[in-house]
């Protein structure tokens, strides 16, 4: 099943699920897989939304995923 959803503050994401597994792919920066794991379980990919750094070009954030 594929469905569009908001995730991590970004509106253009797609959840792909099969049985108890799910992956979320963002179209806002990427494409990039930003979540993979069991439904309701932890993300097996990195998620560090609180980490950021100011640069001369604006704020840089670690987006995580793969």
PDB file of N, CA and C in Angstrom:
ATOM      1  N   UNK A   1       0.838  -1.173   0.000  1.00  0.00           N
ATOM      2  CA  UNK A   1       0.000   0.000   0.000  1.00  0.00           C
ATOM      3  C   UNK A   1       0.888   1.243   0.000  1.00  0.00           C
ATOM      4  N   UNK A   2       0.502   2.268  -0.735  1.00  0.00           N
ATOM      5  CA  UNK A   2       1.227   3.537  -0.783  1.00  0.00           C
ATOM      6  C   UNK A   2       0.251   4.645  -0.416  1.00  0.00           C
ATOM      7  N   UNK A   3       0.669   5.522   0.497  1.00  0.00           N
ATOM      8  CA  UNK A   3      -0.174   6.660   0.864  1.00  0.00           C
ATOM      9  C   UNK A   3       0.695   7.887   1.097  1.00  0.00           C
ATOM     10  N   UNK A   4       0.163   9.063   0.767  1.00  0.00           N
ATOM     11  CA  UNK A   4       0.864  10.323   0.991  1.00  0.00           C
ATOM     12  C   UNK A   4       0.576  10.797   2.412  1.00  0.00           C
ATOM     13  N   UNK A   5       1.610  11.352   3.099  1.00  0.00           N
ATOM     14  CA  UNK A   5       1.413  11.837   4.457  1.00  0.00           C
ATOM     15  C   UNK A   5       2.445  12.897   4.810  1.00  0.00           C
ATOM     16  N   UNK A   6       2.170  13.641   5.889  1.00  0.00           N
ATOM     17  CA  UNK A   6       3.123  14.581   6.481  1.00  0.00           C
ATOM     18  C   UNK A   6       3.983  13.778   7.446  1.00  0.00           C
ATOM     19  N   UNK A   7       5.294  14.050   7.442  1.00  0.00           N
ATOM     20  CA  UNK A   7       6.194  13.353   8.359  1.00  0.00           C
ATOM     21  C   UNK A   7       7.355  14.274   8.680  1.00  0.00           C
ATOM     22  N   UNK A   8       7.683  14.395   9.933  1.00  0.00           N
ATOM     23  CA  UNK A   8       8.832  15.176  10.404  1.00  0.00           C
ATOM     24  C   UNK A   8       8.771  16.632   9.941  1.00  0.00           C
ATOM     25  N   UNK A   9       7.559  17.171   9.831  1.00  0.00           N
ATOM     26  CA  UNK A   9       7.403  18.565   9.445  1.00  0.00           C
ATOM     27  C   UNK A   9       7.424  18.827   7.954  1.00  0.00           C
ATOM     28  N   UNK A  10       7.481  17.797   7.145  1.00  0.00           N
ATOM     29  CA  UNK A  10       7.495  17.947   5.689  1.00  0.00           C
ATOM     30  C   UNK A  10       6.235  17.324   5.108  1.00  0.00           C
ATOM     31  N   UNK A  11       5.561  18.018   4.176  1.00  0.00           N
ATOM     32  CA  UNK A  11       4.256  17.552   3.707  1.00  0.00           C
ATOM     33  C   UNK A  11       4.275  16.489   2.614  1.00  0.00           C
ATOM     34  N   UNK A  12       5.349  16.359   1.859  1.00  0.00           N
ATOM     35  CA  UNK A  12       5.342  15.492   0.676  1.00  0.00           C
ATOM     36  C   UNK A  12       6.132  14.209   0.901  1.00  0.00           C
ATOM     37  N   UNK A  13       5.517  13.294   1.637  1.00  0.00           N
ATOM     38  CA  UNK A  13       6.132  12.011   1.947  1.00  0.00           C
ATOM     39  C   UNK A  13       5.187  10.897   1.544  1.00  0.00           C
ATOM     40  N   UNK A  14       5.760   9.731   1.297  1.00  0.00           N
ATOM     41  CA  UNK A  14       4.964   8.578   0.890  1.00  0.00           C
ATOM     42  C   UNK A  14       5.331   7.382   1.755  1.00  0.00           C
ATOM     43  N   UNK A  15       4.311   6.780   2.358  1.00  0.00           N
ATOM     44  CA  UNK A  15       4.508   5.575   3.160  1.00  0.00           C
ATOM     45  C   UNK A  15       4.232   4.368   2.270  1.00  0.00           C
ATOM     46  N   UNK A  16       5.191   3.466   2.214  1.00  0.00           N
ATOM     47  CA  UNK A  16       5.043   2.204   1.495  1.00  0.00           C
ATOM     48  C   UNK A  16       5.036   1.128   2.566  1.00  0.00           C
ATOM     49  N   UNK A  17       3.957   0.358   2.637  1.00  0.00           N
ATOM     50  CA  UNK A  17       3.867  -0.649   3.690  1.00  0.00           C
ATOM     51  C   UNK A  17       3.480  -2.001   3.110  1.00  0.00           C
ATOM     52  N   UNK A  18       3.968  -3.021   3.794  1.00  0.00           N
ATOM     53  CA  UNK A  18       3.648  -4.404   3.440  1.00  0.00           C
ATOM     54  C   UNK A  18       3.670  -5.205   4.732  1.00  0.00           C
ATOM     55  N   UNK A  19       2.518  -5.684   5.139  1.00  0.00           N
ATOM     56  CA  UNK A  19       2.457  -6.426   6.395  1.00  0.00           C
ATOM     57  C   UNK A  19       2.818  -5.526   7.559  1.00  0.00           C
ATOM     58  N   UNK A  20       3.784  -5.928   8.369  1.00  0.00           N
ATOM     59  CA  UNK A  20       4.197  -5.161   9.545  1.00  0.00           C
ATOM     60  C   UNK A  20       5.333  -4.188   9.273  1.00  0.00           C
ATOM     61  N   UNK A  21       5.838  -4.135   8.037  1.00  0.00           N
ATOM     62  CA  UNK A  21       6.952  -3.245   7.704  1.00  0.00           C
ATOM     63  C   UNK A  21       6.458  -1.997   6.991  1.00  0.00           C
ATOM     64  N   UNK A  22       7.193  -0.894   7.199  1.00  0.00           N
ATOM     65  CA  UNK A  22       6.877   0.328   6.472  1.00  0.00           C
ATOM     66  C   UNK A  22       8.155   1.088   6.157  1.00  0.00           C
ATOM     67  N   UNK A  23       8.109   1.811   5.059  1.00  0.00           N
ATOM     68  CA  UNK A  23       9.175   2.734   4.678  1.00  0.00           C
ATOM     69  C   UNK A  23       8.508   4.054   4.338  1.00  0.00           C
ATOM     70  N   UNK A  24       9.151   5.153   4.712  1.00  0.00           N
ATOM     71  CA  UNK A  24       8.654   6.474   4.343  1.00  0.00           C
ATOM     72  C   UNK A  24       9.725   7.141   3.497  1.00  0.00           C
ATOM     73  N   UNK A  25       9.304   7.593   2.321  1.00  0.00           N
ATOM     74  CA  UNK A  25      10.190   8.236   1.359  1.00  0.00           C
ATOM     75  C   UNK A  25       9.725   9.674   1.200  1.00  0.00           C
ATOM     76  N   UNK A  26      10.655  10.626   1.301  1.00  0.00           N
ATOM     77  CA  UNK A  26      10.283  12.025   1.151  1.00  0.00           C
ATOM     78  C   UNK A  26      10.565  12.517  -0.257  1.00  0.00           C
ATOM     79  N   UNK A  27       9.714  13.406  -0.722  1.00  0.00           N
ATOM     80  CA  UNK A  27       9.915  14.076  -2.002  1.00  0.00           C
ATOM     81  C   UNK A  27      10.313  15.535  -1.775  1.00  0.00           C
ATOM     82  N   UNK A  28      10.323  15.990  -0.516  1.00  0.00           N
ATOM     83  CA  UNK A  28      10.679  17.378  -0.214  1.00  0.00           C
ATOM     84  C   UNK A  28      12.178  17.630  -0.322  1.00  0.00           C
ATOM     85  N   UNK A  29      12.982  16.666  -0.052  1.00  0.00           N
ATOM     86  CA  UNK A  29      14.433  16.738  -0.244  1.00  0.00           C
ATOM     87  C   UNK A  29      14.878  15.324  -0.573  1.00  0.00           C
ATOM     88  N   UNK A  30      15.191  15.112  -1.789  1.00  0.00           N
ATOM     89  CA  UNK A  30      15.560  13.761  -2.200  1.00  0.00           C
ATOM     90  C   UNK A  30      14.999  13.460  -3.571  1.00  0.00           C
ATOM     91  N   UNK A  31      14.630  12.245  -3.853  1.00  0.00           N
ATOM     92  CA  UNK A  31      13.983  11.293  -2.959  1.00  0.00           C
ATOM     93  C   UNK A  31      14.971  10.698  -1.955  1.00  0.00           C
ATOM     94  N   UNK A  32      14.449  10.399  -0.788  1.00  0.00           N
ATOM     95  CA  UNK A  32      15.273   9.882   0.303  1.00  0.00           C
ATOM     96  C   UNK A  32      14.396   9.028   1.212  1.00  0.00           C
ATOM     97  N   UNK A  33      14.873   7.845   1.558  1.00  0.00           N
ATOM     98  CA  UNK A  33      14.167   7.001   2.526  1.00  0.00           C
ATOM     99  C   UNK A  33      14.493   7.566   3.905  1.00  0.00           C
ATOM    100  N   UNK A  34      13.483   8.074   4.616  1.00  0.00           N
ATOM    101  CA  UNK A  34      13.733   8.696   5.914  1.00  0.00           C
ATOM    102  C   UNK A  34      13.237   7.857   7.089  1.00  0.00           C
ATOM    103  N   UNK A  35      12.521   6.780   6.784  1.00  0.00           N
ATOM    104  CA  UNK A  35      12.099   5.866   7.849  1.00  0.00           C
ATOM    105  C   UNK A  35      11.980   4.469   7.277  1.00  0.00           C
ATOM    106  N   UNK A  36      12.446   3.496   8.058  1.00  0.00           N
ATOM    107  CA  UNK A  36      12.245   2.089   7.734  1.00  0.00           C
ATOM    108  C   UNK A  36      12.160   1.324   9.043  1.00  0.00           C
ATOM    109  N   UNK A  37      11.137   0.527   9.189  1.00  0.00           N
ATOM    110  CA  UNK A  37      11.010  -0.268  10.403  1.00  0.00           C
ATOM    111  C   UNK A  37       9.656  -0.935  10.488  1.00  0.00           C
ATOM    112  N   UNK A  38       9.424  -1.575  11.628  1.00  0.00           N
ATOM    113  CA  UNK A  38       8.127  -2.182  11.886  1.00  0.00           C
ATOM    114  C   UNK A  38       7.127  -1.088  12.246  1.00  0.00           C
ATOM    115  N   UNK A  39       5.891  -1.243  11.826  1.00  0.00           N
ATOM    116  CA  UNK A  39       4.846  -0.275  12.157  1.00  0.00           C
ATOM    117  C   UNK A  39       4.768  -0.112  13.671  1.00  0.00           C
ATOM    118  N   UNK A  40       4.821   1.130  14.132  1.00  0.00           N
ATOM    119  CA  UNK A  40       4.758   1.416  15.559  1.00  0.00           C
ATOM    120  C   UNK A  40       6.071   1.219  16.292  1.00  0.00           C
ATOM    121  N   UNK A  41       7.102   0.751  15.594  1.00  0.00           N
ATOM    122  CA  UNK A  41       8.403   0.512  16.209  1.00  0.00           C
ATOM    123  C   UNK A  41       9.379   1.634  15.903  1.00  0.00           C
ATOM    124  N   UNK A  42      10.608   1.500  16.388  1.00  0.00           N
ATOM    125  CA  UNK A  42      11.606   2.541  16.148  1.00  0.00           C
ATOM    126  C   UNK A  42      12.052   2.572  14.689  1.00  0.00           C
ATOM    127  N   UNK A  43      12.551   3.717  14.283  1.00  0.00           N
ATOM    128  CA  UNK A  43      13.111   3.893  12.950  1.00  0.00           C
ATOM    129  C   UNK A  43      14.497   3.256  12.937  1.00  0.00           C
ATOM    130  N   UNK A  44      14.742   2.361  12.009  1.00  0.00           N
ATOM    131  CA  UNK A  44      16.050   1.717  11.910  1.00  0.00           C
ATOM    132  C   UNK A  44      17.083   2.628  11.250  1.00  0.00           C
ATOM    133  N   UNK A  45      16.630   3.734  10.660  1.00  0.00           N
ATOM    134  CA  UNK A  45      17.527   4.728  10.072  1.00  0.00           C
ATOM    135  C   UNK A  45      17.661   5.900  11.036  1.00  0.00           C
ATOM    136  N   UNK A  46      18.697   6.694  10.890  1.00  0.00           N
ATOM    137  CA  UNK A  46      18.939   7.804  11.812  1.00  0.00           C
ATOM    138  C   UNK A  46      17.914   8.914  11.697  1.00  0.00           C
ATOM    139  N   UNK A  47      17.450   9.410  12.841  1.00  0.00           N
ATOM    140  CA  UNK A  47      16.578  10.580  12.916  1.00  0.00           C
ATOM    141  C   UNK A  47      17.130  11.477  14.016  1.00  0.00           C
ATOM    142  N   UNK A  48      17.642  12.639  13.640  1.00  0.00           N
ATOM    143  CA  UNK A  48      18.226  13.571  14.607  1.00  0.00           C
ATOM    144  C   UNK A  48      17.693  14.979  14.349  1.00  0.00           C
ATOM    145  N   UNK A  49      16.387  15.199  14.514  1.00  0.00           N
ATOM    146  CA  UNK A  49      15.798  16.494  14.152  1.00  0.00           C
ATOM    147  C   UNK A  49      16.292  17.663  14.998  1.00  0.00           C
ATOM    148  N   UNK A  50      16.815  17.397  16.179  1.00  0.00           N
ATOM    149  CA  UNK A  50      17.270  18.470  17.064  1.00  0.00           C
ATOM    150  C   UNK A  50      18.672  18.971  16.703  1.00  0.00           C
ATOM    151  N   UNK A  51      19.397  18.262  15.837  1.00  0.00           N
ATOM    152  CA  UNK A  51      20.745  18.684  15.466  1.00  0.00           C
ATOM    153  C   UNK A  51      20.702  19.600  14.250  1.00  0.00           C
ATOM    154  N   UNK A  52      21.325  20.762  14.378  1.00  0.00           N
ATOM    155  CA  UNK A  52      21.430  21.695  13.261  1.00  0.00           C
ATOM    156  C   UNK A  52      22.647  22.575  13.482  1.00  0.00           C
ATOM    157  N   UNK A  53      23.014  23.312  12.447  1.00  0.00           N
ATOM    158  CA  UNK A  53      24.195  24.165  12.515  1.00  0.00           C
ATOM    159  C   UNK A  53      23.967  25.394  11.644  1.00  0.00           C
ATOM    160  N   UNK A  54      24.298  26.560  12.172  1.00  0.00           N
ATOM    161  CA  UNK A  54      24.205  27.781  11.378  1.00  0.00           C
ATOM    162  C   UNK A  54      25.401  27.870  10.446  1.00  0.00           C
ATOM    163  N   UNK A  55      25.142  28.222   9.196  1.00  0.00           N
ATOM    164  CA  UNK A  55      26.194  28.406   8.196  1.00  0.00           C
ATOM    165  C   UNK A  55      25.974  29.755   7.524  1.00  0.00           C
ATOM    166  N   UNK A  56      26.925  30.240   6.747  1.00  0.00           N
ATOM    167  CA  UNK A  56      26.712  31.490   6.015  1.00  0.00           C
ATOM    168  C   UNK A  56      25.546  31.417   5.028  1.00  0.00           C
ATOM    169  N   UNK A  57      25.107  30.204   4.694  1.00  0.00           N
ATOM    170  CA  UNK A  57      24.031  30.009   3.717  1.00  0.00           C
ATOM    171  C   UNK A  57      22.687  29.701   4.364  1.00  0.00           C
ATOM    172  N   UNK A  58      22.635  29.699   5.677  1.00  0.00           N
ATOM    173  CA  UNK A  58      21.409  29.372   6.394  1.00  0.00           C
ATOM    174  C   UNK A  58      21.639  28.204   7.331  1.00  0.00           C
ATOM    175  N   UNK A  59      20.562  27.696   7.878  1.00  0.00           N
ATOM    176  CA  UNK A  59      20.669  26.598   8.831  1.00  0.00           C
ATOM    177  C   UNK A  59      20.804  25.262   8.102  1.00  0.00           C
ATOM    178  N   UNK A  60      21.750  24.442   8.549  1.00  0.00           N
ATOM    179  CA  UNK A  60      21.978  23.118   7.985  1.00  0.00           C
ATOM    180  C   UNK A  60      21.449  22.092   8.970  1.00  0.00           C
ATOM    181  N   UNK A  61      20.694  21.119   8.465  1.00  0.00           N
ATOM    182  CA  UNK A  61      20.123  20.074   9.318  1.00  0.00           C
ATOM    183  C   UNK A  61      20.533  18.704   8.809  1.00  0.00           C
ATOM    184  N   UNK A  62      20.741  17.805   9.746  1.00  0.00           N
ATOM    185  CA  UNK A  62      20.949  16.408   9.386  1.00  0.00           C
ATOM    186  C   UNK A  62      19.575  15.833   9.085  1.00  0.00           C
ATOM    187  N   UNK A  63      19.365  15.399   7.879  1.00  0.00           N
ATOM    188  CA  UNK A  63      18.050  14.893   7.484  1.00  0.00           C
ATOM    189  C   UNK A  63      17.853  13.435   7.868  1.00  0.00           C
ATOM    190  N   UNK A  64      18.921  12.692   8.007  1.00  0.00           N
ATOM    191  CA  UNK A  64      18.799  11.284   8.351  1.00  0.00           C
ATOM    192  C   UNK A  64      18.390  10.445   7.158  1.00  0.00           C
ATOM    193  N   UNK A  65      18.066   9.211   7.438  1.00  0.00           N
ATOM    194  CA  UNK A  65      17.629   8.313   6.381  1.00  0.00           C
ATOM    195  C   UNK A  65      18.775   7.759   5.572  1.00  0.00           C
ATOM    196  N   UNK A  66      18.444   7.381   4.343  1.00  0.00           N
ATOM    197  CA  UNK A  66      19.444   6.785   3.462  1.00  0.00           C
ATOM    198  C   UNK A  66      19.146   7.173   2.027  1.00  0.00           C
TER     199      UNK A  66
END
